[in-house]
Amino acid sequence: MLDFARFDYAKVTDKAIDTALSLIDYYDLHSQPYEPVPLSRILDKFDLRFMDLPDTTCGFTLDVERKIIIALNNRLSTELTRYVAMHEVGHVACWHPNQLNACAKGEGLYDRLETEATTVAAYVLIPQAAIADPLRDTAEEISTCFIVPPELVLIRRALYIRKGV
């Protein structure tokens, strides 16, 4: 499991939030705010590959000539697959150039670039309407509804409280 506890709110950037909001608007991702976000609208733009990766590697992004490959570990749960895919899209959308962006389990995940990518994933995967009322649903109920890890719901809710969006 990814170590979401290491998410560093101090490293959340306006750039990451603005990027996420732009993706949501451009692809009309939150038109159904109480249903899982349709990821195909974004993922169809990439060369998405499910691979037999080491257990310590959830996924990575690789820019090869004129295409961007997003590789995902084929042994991830559906919730983690959705998160890792959007995390990797976050790297691309935030212009984290010339590096292999690997979402590896338990290995210093949350430097600034990792925090930006996770911020994008949290905003894209969990609509504001779903977390705006903290008494409406539990993190577990929201995670089930949106097919994401419950820890990501806690991050998204905390970002909403801190940032107001």
N, C-alpha and C. Protein backbone atom coordinates (compact mmCIF):
# COMPACT_ATOMS: atom_id res chain seq x y z
N MET A 1 0.84 -1.19 0.00
CA MET A 1 0.00 0.00 0.00
C MET A 1 0.88 1.25 0.00
N LEU A 2 0.45 2.25 -0.69
CA LEU A 2 1.17 3.51 -0.70
C LEU A 2 1.10 4.19 0.66
N ASP A 3 2.11 4.93 0.98
CA ASP A 3 2.18 5.59 2.28
C ASP A 3 1.61 7.00 2.17
N PHE A 4 0.29 7.10 2.16
CA PHE A 4 -0.37 8.39 2.03
C PHE A 4 -0.11 9.28 3.25
N ALA A 5 0.27 8.68 4.37
CA ALA A 5 0.53 9.46 5.59
C ALA A 5 1.69 10.43 5.41
N ARG A 6 2.52 10.20 4.40
CA ARG A 6 3.68 11.07 4.17
C ARG A 6 3.34 12.27 3.29
N PHE A 7 2.09 12.41 2.89
CA PHE A 7 1.70 13.55 2.06
C PHE A 7 1.99 14.83 2.83
N ASP A 8 2.69 15.76 2.20
CA ASP A 8 3.13 16.99 2.86
C ASP A 8 2.30 18.17 2.37
N TYR A 9 1.34 18.58 3.18
CA TYR A 9 0.43 19.67 2.80
C TYR A 9 1.18 20.98 2.58
N ALA A 10 2.33 21.14 3.22
CA ALA A 10 3.12 22.36 3.03
C ALA A 10 3.69 22.45 1.62
N LYS A 11 3.76 21.32 0.92
CA LYS A 11 4.32 21.31 -0.44
C LYS A 11 3.26 21.37 -1.53
N VAL A 12 1.99 21.51 -1.13
CA VAL A 12 0.92 21.64 -2.12
C VAL A 12 1.07 23.00 -2.79
N THR A 13 1.04 23.00 -4.12
CA THR A 13 1.24 24.24 -4.86
C THR A 13 -0.04 24.68 -5.55
N ASP A 14 -0.15 26.00 -5.77
CA ASP A 14 -1.27 26.52 -6.55
C ASP A 14 -1.23 25.95 -7.96
N LYS A 15 -0.02 25.73 -8.46
CA LYS A 15 0.15 25.14 -9.80
C LYS A 15 -0.57 23.81 -9.90
N ALA A 16 -0.42 22.95 -8.91
CA ALA A 16 -1.05 21.63 -8.95
C ALA A 16 -2.57 21.75 -8.88
N ILE A 17 -3.05 22.62 -8.01
CA ILE A 17 -4.51 22.81 -7.89
C ILE A 17 -5.07 23.39 -9.17
N ASP A 18 -4.42 24.42 -9.71
CA ASP A 18 -4.89 25.03 -10.97
C ASP A 18 -4.86 24.02 -12.11
N THR A 19 -3.84 23.19 -12.15
CA THR A 19 -3.74 22.16 -13.19
C THR A 19 -4.91 21.18 -13.07
N ALA A 20 -5.17 20.73 -11.87
CA ALA A 20 -6.28 19.80 -11.65
C ALA A 20 -7.61 20.43 -12.06
N LEU A 21 -7.84 21.66 -11.63
CA LEU A 21 -9.11 22.33 -11.97
C LEU A 21 -9.24 22.54 -13.47
N SER A 22 -8.13 22.80 -14.15
CA SER A 22 -8.16 22.94 -15.61
C SER A 22 -8.52 21.62 -16.29
N LEU A 23 -7.94 20.51 -15.82
CA LEU A 23 -8.27 19.20 -16.37
C LEU A 23 -9.75 18.88 -16.15
N ILE A 24 -10.23 19.14 -14.95
CA ILE A 24 -11.63 18.87 -14.63
C ILE A 24 -12.55 19.66 -15.55
N ASP A 25 -12.23 20.92 -15.75
CA ASP A 25 -13.06 21.79 -16.60
C ASP A 25 -12.96 21.36 -18.07
N TYR A 26 -11.75 21.19 -18.57
CA TYR A 26 -11.54 20.87 -19.98
C TYR A 26 -12.21 19.55 -20.39
N TYR A 27 -12.08 18.54 -19.55
CA TYR A 27 -12.63 17.23 -19.86
C TYR A 27 -14.02 17.00 -19.25
N ASP A 28 -14.58 18.04 -18.61
CA ASP A 28 -15.90 17.97 -17.99
C ASP A 28 -16.03 16.73 -17.10
N LEU A 29 -15.06 16.57 -16.21
CA LEU A 29 -14.95 15.35 -15.42
C LEU A 29 -15.92 15.25 -14.25
N HIS A 30 -16.43 16.37 -13.79
CA HIS A 30 -17.30 16.33 -12.62
C HIS A 30 -18.75 16.65 -12.96
N SER A 31 -19.15 16.36 -14.18
CA SER A 31 -20.53 16.63 -14.59
C SER A 31 -21.52 15.75 -13.82
N GLN A 32 -21.07 14.61 -13.36
CA GLN A 32 -21.87 13.71 -12.52
C GLN A 32 -21.15 13.62 -11.16
N PRO A 33 -21.35 14.61 -10.28
CA PRO A 33 -20.52 14.72 -9.08
C PRO A 33 -20.68 13.62 -8.03
N TYR A 34 -21.60 12.70 -8.22
CA TYR A 34 -21.76 11.62 -7.25
C TYR A 34 -21.56 10.24 -7.90
N GLU A 35 -20.86 10.24 -9.03
CA GLU A 35 -20.52 9.00 -9.71
C GLU A 35 -19.01 8.97 -9.95
N PRO A 36 -18.43 7.78 -10.09
CA PRO A 36 -16.98 7.71 -10.35
C PRO A 36 -16.60 8.55 -11.58
N VAL A 37 -15.50 9.24 -11.48
CA VAL A 37 -15.03 10.10 -12.56
C VAL A 37 -14.62 9.22 -13.75
N PRO A 38 -15.11 9.55 -14.96
CA PRO A 38 -14.77 8.76 -16.15
C PRO A 38 -13.35 9.07 -16.63
N LEU A 39 -12.42 8.21 -16.33
CA LEU A 39 -11.01 8.46 -16.61
C LEU A 39 -10.63 8.30 -18.08
N SER A 40 -11.45 7.61 -18.83
CA SER A 40 -11.10 7.38 -20.24
C SER A 40 -10.97 8.69 -21.01
N ARG A 41 -11.67 9.72 -20.60
CA ARG A 41 -11.58 11.01 -21.28
C ARG A 41 -10.15 11.55 -21.29
N ILE A 42 -9.42 11.28 -20.23
CA ILE A 42 -8.02 11.72 -20.14
C ILE A 42 -7.09 10.60 -20.61
N LEU A 43 -7.30 9.41 -20.12
CA LEU A 43 -6.35 8.32 -20.37
C LEU A 43 -6.27 7.93 -21.84
N ASP A 44 -7.31 8.20 -22.61
CA ASP A 44 -7.26 7.91 -24.04
C ASP A 44 -6.19 8.71 -24.76
N LYS A 45 -5.68 9.75 -24.14
CA LYS A 45 -4.65 10.60 -24.74
C LYS A 45 -3.24 10.02 -24.57
N PHE A 46 -3.13 8.95 -23.81
CA PHE A 46 -1.83 8.36 -23.48
C PHE A 46 -1.73 6.94 -24.01
N ASP A 47 -0.51 6.43 -24.07
CA ASP A 47 -0.27 5.02 -24.37
C ASP A 47 -0.26 4.32 -23.01
N LEU A 48 -1.42 3.82 -22.62
CA LEU A 48 -1.61 3.20 -21.30
C LEU A 48 -1.26 1.72 -21.39
N ARG A 49 -0.37 1.27 -20.48
CA ARG A 49 0.07 -0.12 -20.49
C ARG A 49 -0.02 -0.71 -19.09
N PHE A 50 -0.58 -1.90 -19.00
CA PHE A 50 -0.59 -2.65 -17.76
C PHE A 50 0.53 -3.67 -17.86
N MET A 51 1.44 -3.61 -16.87
CA MET A 51 2.66 -4.40 -16.97
C MET A 51 2.90 -5.20 -15.69
N ASP A 52 3.70 -6.23 -15.84
CA ASP A 52 4.14 -7.02 -14.70
C ASP A 52 5.35 -6.30 -14.10
N LEU A 53 5.08 -5.38 -13.17
CA LEU A 53 6.12 -4.58 -12.55
C LEU A 53 6.46 -5.15 -11.18
N PRO A 54 7.64 -4.82 -10.65
CA PRO A 54 7.96 -5.25 -9.28
C PRO A 54 6.92 -4.74 -8.28
N ASP A 55 6.74 -5.48 -7.21
CA ASP A 55 5.76 -5.08 -6.20
C ASP A 55 6.01 -3.68 -5.65
N THR A 56 7.24 -3.22 -5.69
CA THR A 56 7.58 -1.90 -5.17
C THR A 56 7.27 -0.77 -6.15
N THR A 57 6.84 -1.10 -7.35
CA THR A 57 6.55 -0.07 -8.36
C THR A 57 5.08 -0.13 -8.74
N CYS A 58 4.38 0.97 -8.46
CA CYS A 58 2.96 1.04 -8.81
C CYS A 58 2.78 1.45 -10.26
N GLY A 59 3.64 2.33 -10.73
CA GLY A 59 3.52 2.80 -12.10
C GLY A 59 4.60 3.80 -12.42
N PHE A 60 4.66 4.18 -13.69
CA PHE A 60 5.60 5.22 -14.09
C PHE A 60 5.13 5.86 -15.39
N THR A 61 5.68 7.03 -15.66
CA THR A 61 5.41 7.77 -16.88
C THR A 61 6.71 7.92 -17.63
N LEU A 62 6.63 7.71 -18.92
CA LEU A 62 7.81 7.81 -19.75
C LEU A 62 7.45 8.56 -21.03
N ASP A 63 8.19 9.61 -21.31
CA ASP A 63 7.98 10.41 -22.52
C ASP A 63 8.94 9.89 -23.59
N VAL A 64 8.39 9.25 -24.61
CA VAL A 64 9.21 8.66 -25.67
C VAL A 64 8.79 9.31 -26.99
N GLU A 65 9.69 10.12 -27.53
CA GLU A 65 9.46 10.84 -28.78
C GLU A 65 8.14 11.58 -28.73
N ARG A 66 7.15 11.17 -29.49
CA ARG A 66 5.90 11.92 -29.59
C ARG A 66 4.76 11.28 -28.82
N LYS A 67 5.06 10.35 -27.94
CA LYS A 67 4.00 9.74 -27.15
C LYS A 67 4.43 9.63 -25.70
N ILE A 68 3.45 9.62 -24.85
CA ILE A 68 3.70 9.48 -23.42
C ILE A 68 3.11 8.14 -22.98
N ILE A 69 3.97 7.32 -22.42
CA ILE A 69 3.56 6.01 -21.93
C ILE A 69 3.28 6.13 -20.45
N ILE A 70 2.12 5.63 -20.04
CA ILE A 70 1.82 5.47 -18.62
C ILE A 70 1.73 3.97 -18.38
N ALA A 71 2.66 3.47 -17.59
CA ALA A 71 2.68 2.05 -17.26
C ALA A 71 2.15 1.86 -15.85
N LEU A 72 1.26 0.90 -15.69
CA LEU A 72 0.65 0.61 -14.39
C LEU A 72 0.91 -0.84 -14.03
N ASN A 73 1.18 -1.07 -12.76
CA ASN A 73 1.38 -2.42 -12.27
C ASN A 73 0.06 -3.18 -12.42
N ASN A 74 0.09 -4.31 -13.11
CA ASN A 74 -1.14 -5.05 -13.37
C ASN A 74 -1.68 -5.80 -12.15
N ARG A 75 -1.00 -5.71 -11.02
CA ARG A 75 -1.48 -6.38 -9.80
C ARG A 75 -2.12 -5.42 -8.80
N LEU A 76 -2.30 -4.17 -9.19
CA LEU A 76 -2.93 -3.20 -8.29
C LEU A 76 -4.43 -3.42 -8.21
N SER A 77 -5.01 -3.07 -7.08
CA SER A 77 -6.47 -3.08 -6.97
C SER A 77 -7.04 -2.01 -7.91
N THR A 78 -8.32 -2.09 -8.17
CA THR A 78 -8.97 -1.09 -9.03
C THR A 78 -8.81 0.30 -8.44
N GLU A 79 -8.96 0.43 -7.13
CA GLU A 79 -8.82 1.73 -6.47
C GLU A 79 -7.43 2.30 -6.67
N LEU A 80 -6.42 1.49 -6.46
CA LEU A 80 -5.04 1.96 -6.64
C LEU A 80 -4.72 2.22 -8.10
N THR A 81 -5.27 1.43 -9.00
CA THR A 81 -5.04 1.64 -10.42
C THR A 81 -5.56 3.01 -10.84
N ARG A 82 -6.76 3.36 -10.40
CA ARG A 82 -7.33 4.67 -10.74
C ARG A 82 -6.47 5.79 -10.15
N TYR A 83 -6.06 5.62 -8.91
CA TYR A 83 -5.22 6.64 -8.27
C TYR A 83 -3.87 6.78 -9.00
N VAL A 84 -3.18 5.67 -9.21
CA VAL A 84 -1.85 5.73 -9.82
C VAL A 84 -1.93 6.30 -11.23
N ALA A 85 -2.95 5.93 -11.99
CA ALA A 85 -3.10 6.48 -13.34
C ALA A 85 -3.23 8.00 -13.30
N MET A 86 -4.05 8.51 -12.40
CA MET A 86 -4.22 9.97 -12.33
C MET A 86 -3.01 10.65 -11.70
N HIS A 87 -2.32 9.96 -10.81
CA HIS A 87 -1.08 10.48 -10.25
C HIS A 87 -0.06 10.68 -11.38
N GLU A 88 0.05 9.70 -12.25
CA GLU A 88 0.99 9.81 -13.38
C GLU A 88 0.55 10.89 -14.36
N VAL A 89 -0.74 11.00 -14.62
CA VAL A 89 -1.25 12.12 -15.43
C VAL A 89 -0.88 13.44 -14.77
N GLY A 90 -0.94 13.48 -13.44
CA GLY A 90 -0.56 14.68 -12.71
C GLY A 90 0.88 15.09 -12.98
N HIS A 91 1.78 14.11 -13.04
CA HIS A 91 3.17 14.43 -13.39
C HIS A 91 3.26 15.08 -14.76
N VAL A 92 2.56 14.51 -15.73
CA VAL A 92 2.59 15.03 -17.10
C VAL A 92 1.96 16.42 -17.14
N ALA A 93 0.79 16.57 -16.55
CA ALA A 93 0.06 17.83 -16.60
C ALA A 93 0.78 18.97 -15.87
N CYS A 94 1.55 18.62 -14.84
CA CYS A 94 2.32 19.64 -14.10
C CYS A 94 3.68 19.90 -14.72
N TRP A 95 3.94 19.30 -15.87
CA TRP A 95 5.19 19.51 -16.59
C TRP A 95 6.40 19.15 -15.74
N HIS A 96 6.42 17.91 -15.28
CA HIS A 96 7.59 17.38 -14.58
C HIS A 96 8.45 16.69 -15.64
N PRO A 97 9.25 17.48 -16.35
CA PRO A 97 9.93 16.97 -17.55
C PRO A 97 11.16 16.12 -17.27
N ASN A 98 11.52 15.35 -18.29
CA ASN A 98 12.80 14.65 -18.37
C ASN A 98 13.12 13.80 -17.15
N GLN A 99 12.16 13.08 -16.68
CA GLN A 99 12.44 12.17 -15.58
C GLN A 99 11.48 11.00 -15.67
N LEU A 100 11.89 9.92 -15.09
CA LEU A 100 11.02 8.77 -14.98
C LEU A 100 10.25 8.96 -13.68
N ASN A 101 8.97 9.22 -13.79
CA ASN A 101 8.16 9.46 -12.59
C ASN A 101 7.62 8.14 -12.10
N ALA A 102 8.28 7.56 -11.15
CA ALA A 102 7.86 6.26 -10.64
C ALA A 102 7.13 6.44 -9.33
N CYS A 103 5.98 5.85 -9.25
CA CYS A 103 5.20 5.89 -8.01
C CYS A 103 5.54 4.59 -7.27
N ALA A 104 6.62 4.62 -6.54
CA ALA A 104 7.11 3.41 -5.87
C ALA A 104 6.60 3.36 -4.44
N LYS A 105 6.30 2.18 -3.99
CA LYS A 105 5.75 2.01 -2.65
C LYS A 105 6.82 2.27 -1.60
N GLY A 106 6.50 3.18 -0.66
CA GLY A 106 7.32 3.37 0.52
C GLY A 106 8.69 4.00 0.30
N GLU A 107 8.94 4.65 -0.81
CA GLU A 107 10.27 5.20 -1.06
C GLU A 107 10.23 6.72 -1.19
N GLY A 108 10.18 7.43 -0.09
CA GLY A 108 10.24 8.88 -0.11
C GLY A 108 9.28 9.51 -1.10
N LEU A 109 8.05 9.08 -1.07
CA LEU A 109 7.09 9.47 -2.09
C LEU A 109 6.83 10.97 -2.19
N TYR A 110 6.87 11.65 -1.11
CA TYR A 110 6.25 12.96 -1.13
C TYR A 110 7.22 14.12 -1.15
N ASP A 111 8.11 14.15 -2.11
CA ASP A 111 8.83 15.38 -2.38
C ASP A 111 7.84 16.28 -3.11
N ARG A 112 8.25 17.45 -3.54
CA ARG A 112 7.34 18.41 -4.15
C ARG A 112 6.64 17.85 -5.39
N LEU A 113 7.38 17.17 -6.26
CA LEU A 113 6.78 16.65 -7.49
C LEU A 113 5.74 15.57 -7.20
N GLU A 114 6.03 14.72 -6.23
CA GLU A 114 5.07 13.67 -5.86
C GLU A 114 3.83 14.28 -5.22
N THR A 115 4.03 15.32 -4.42
CA THR A 115 2.90 16.00 -3.79
C THR A 115 2.02 16.65 -4.86
N GLU A 116 2.65 17.28 -5.85
CA GLU A 116 1.86 17.89 -6.93
C GLU A 116 1.05 16.83 -7.67
N ALA A 117 1.67 15.71 -8.00
CA ALA A 117 0.97 14.66 -8.75
C ALA A 117 -0.18 14.08 -7.94
N THR A 118 0.02 13.87 -6.65
CA THR A 118 -1.05 13.35 -5.80
C THR A 118 -2.16 14.37 -5.63
N THR A 119 -1.81 15.65 -5.56
CA THR A 119 -2.81 16.71 -5.47
C THR A 119 -3.71 16.69 -6.70
N VAL A 120 -3.11 16.59 -7.88
CA VAL A 120 -3.89 16.52 -9.11
C VAL A 120 -4.83 15.31 -9.05
N ALA A 121 -4.30 14.15 -8.67
CA ALA A 121 -5.13 12.94 -8.59
C ALA A 121 -6.30 13.12 -7.63
N ALA A 122 -6.04 13.69 -6.48
CA ALA A 122 -7.10 13.87 -5.48
C ALA A 122 -8.22 14.77 -6.00
N TYR A 123 -7.85 15.89 -6.61
CA TYR A 123 -8.85 16.81 -7.15
C TYR A 123 -9.62 16.19 -8.31
N VAL A 124 -8.92 15.52 -9.21
CA VAL A 124 -9.58 14.94 -10.39
C VAL A 124 -10.51 13.80 -9.99
N LEU A 125 -10.07 12.94 -9.10
CA LEU A 125 -10.83 11.73 -8.77
C LEU A 125 -11.98 11.94 -7.80
N ILE A 126 -11.92 13.03 -7.01
CA ILE A 126 -12.95 13.23 -5.98
C ILE A 126 -13.53 14.64 -6.12
N PRO A 127 -14.74 14.75 -6.66
CA PRO A 127 -15.36 16.07 -6.84
C PRO A 127 -15.57 16.80 -5.52
N GLN A 128 -15.49 18.10 -5.59
CA GLN A 128 -15.69 18.94 -4.40
C GLN A 128 -17.04 18.66 -3.75
N ALA A 129 -18.07 18.45 -4.55
CA ALA A 129 -19.40 18.20 -4.00
C ALA A 129 -19.43 16.98 -3.07
N ALA A 130 -18.56 16.03 -3.32
CA ALA A 130 -18.55 14.80 -2.52
C ALA A 130 -17.92 15.00 -1.15
N ILE A 131 -17.07 16.01 -0.99
CA ILE A 131 -16.36 16.17 0.29
C ILE A 131 -16.69 17.50 0.98
N ALA A 132 -17.48 18.33 0.36
CA ALA A 132 -17.77 19.66 0.92
C ALA A 132 -18.50 19.60 2.25
N ASP A 133 -19.33 18.60 2.45
CA ASP A 133 -20.05 18.44 3.71
C ASP A 133 -19.44 17.28 4.47
N PRO A 134 -18.60 17.58 5.49
CA PRO A 134 -17.90 16.49 6.20
C PRO A 134 -18.83 15.54 6.95
N LEU A 135 -20.08 15.94 7.15
CA LEU A 135 -21.02 15.08 7.87
C LEU A 135 -21.84 14.21 6.92
N ARG A 136 -21.74 14.45 5.63
CA ARG A 136 -22.56 13.74 4.65
C ARG A 136 -22.18 12.26 4.55
N ASP A 137 -20.94 11.97 4.26
CA ASP A 137 -20.48 10.60 4.09
C ASP A 137 -19.13 10.41 4.76
N THR A 138 -18.83 9.18 5.11
CA THR A 138 -17.51 8.89 5.67
C THR A 138 -16.51 8.75 4.53
N ALA A 139 -15.24 8.80 4.88
CA ALA A 139 -14.19 8.62 3.87
C ALA A 139 -14.33 7.26 3.20
N GLU A 140 -14.69 6.26 3.96
CA GLU A 140 -14.87 4.92 3.38
C GLU A 140 -16.01 4.89 2.37
N GLU A 141 -17.12 5.55 2.70
CA GLU A 141 -18.26 5.60 1.77
C GLU A 141 -17.89 6.35 0.48
N ILE A 142 -17.18 7.46 0.63
CA ILE A 142 -16.76 8.23 -0.54
C ILE A 142 -15.77 7.43 -1.37
N SER A 143 -14.83 6.75 -0.71
CA SER A 143 -13.85 5.95 -1.45
C SER A 143 -14.54 4.83 -2.23
N THR A 144 -15.55 4.23 -1.67
CA THR A 144 -16.30 3.19 -2.36
C THR A 144 -17.05 3.77 -3.56
N CYS A 145 -17.68 4.90 -3.37
CA CYS A 145 -18.44 5.54 -4.44
C CYS A 145 -17.54 5.92 -5.62
N PHE A 146 -16.37 6.47 -5.34
CA PHE A 146 -15.50 6.99 -6.39
C PHE A 146 -14.37 6.04 -6.79
N ILE A 147 -14.35 4.87 -6.17
CA ILE A 147 -13.38 3.81 -6.48
C ILE A 147 -11.95 4.35 -6.35
N VAL A 148 -11.65 4.86 -5.16
CA VAL A 148 -10.32 5.38 -4.84
C VAL A 148 -9.94 4.89 -3.44
N PRO A 149 -8.65 4.93 -3.10
CA PRO A 149 -8.25 4.56 -1.74
C PRO A 149 -8.83 5.55 -0.72
N PRO A 150 -9.28 5.09 0.44
CA PRO A 150 -9.86 5.98 1.45
C PRO A 150 -8.88 7.08 1.88
N GLU A 151 -7.59 6.78 1.87
CA GLU A 151 -6.59 7.77 2.26
C GLU A 151 -6.60 8.97 1.32
N LEU A 152 -6.91 8.74 0.05
CA LEU A 152 -6.98 9.84 -0.91
C LEU A 152 -8.16 10.74 -0.60
N VAL A 153 -9.24 10.17 -0.11
CA VAL A 153 -10.41 10.97 0.29
C VAL A 153 -10.01 11.89 1.44
N LEU A 154 -9.25 11.37 2.40
CA LEU A 154 -8.81 12.20 3.53
C LEU A 154 -7.92 13.34 3.06
N ILE A 155 -7.05 13.07 2.10
CA ILE A 155 -6.20 14.13 1.54
C ILE A 155 -7.06 15.16 0.84
N ARG A 156 -8.01 14.71 0.02
CA ARG A 156 -8.87 15.65 -0.72
C ARG A 156 -9.70 16.50 0.22
N ARG A 157 -10.23 15.88 1.26
CA ARG A 157 -11.04 16.62 2.24
C ARG A 157 -10.18 17.67 2.95
N ALA A 158 -8.98 17.30 3.34
CA ALA A 158 -8.07 18.24 4.00
C ALA A 158 -7.68 19.38 3.06
N LEU A 159 -7.47 19.08 1.78
CA LEU A 159 -7.17 20.13 0.81
C LEU A 159 -8.35 21.09 0.66
N TYR A 160 -9.56 20.55 0.67
CA TYR A 160 -10.74 21.41 0.59
C TYR A 160 -10.82 22.34 1.81
N ILE A 161 -10.57 21.80 2.97
CA ILE A 161 -10.62 22.61 4.19
C ILE A 161 -9.53 23.68 4.17
N ARG A 162 -8.33 23.32 3.72
CA ARG A 162 -7.19 24.27 3.71
C ARG A 162 -7.28 25.28 2.58
N LYS A 163 -7.76 24.85 1.41
CA LYS A 163 -7.72 25.70 0.22
C LYS A 163 -9.08 26.25 -0.21
N GLY A 164 -10.15 25.65 0.28
CA GLY A 164 -11.48 26.14 -0.07
C GLY A 164 -12.00 25.69 -1.43
N VAL A 165 -11.23 24.83 -2.11
CA VAL A 165 -11.69 24.27 -3.41
C VAL A 165 -11.43 22.79 -3.43
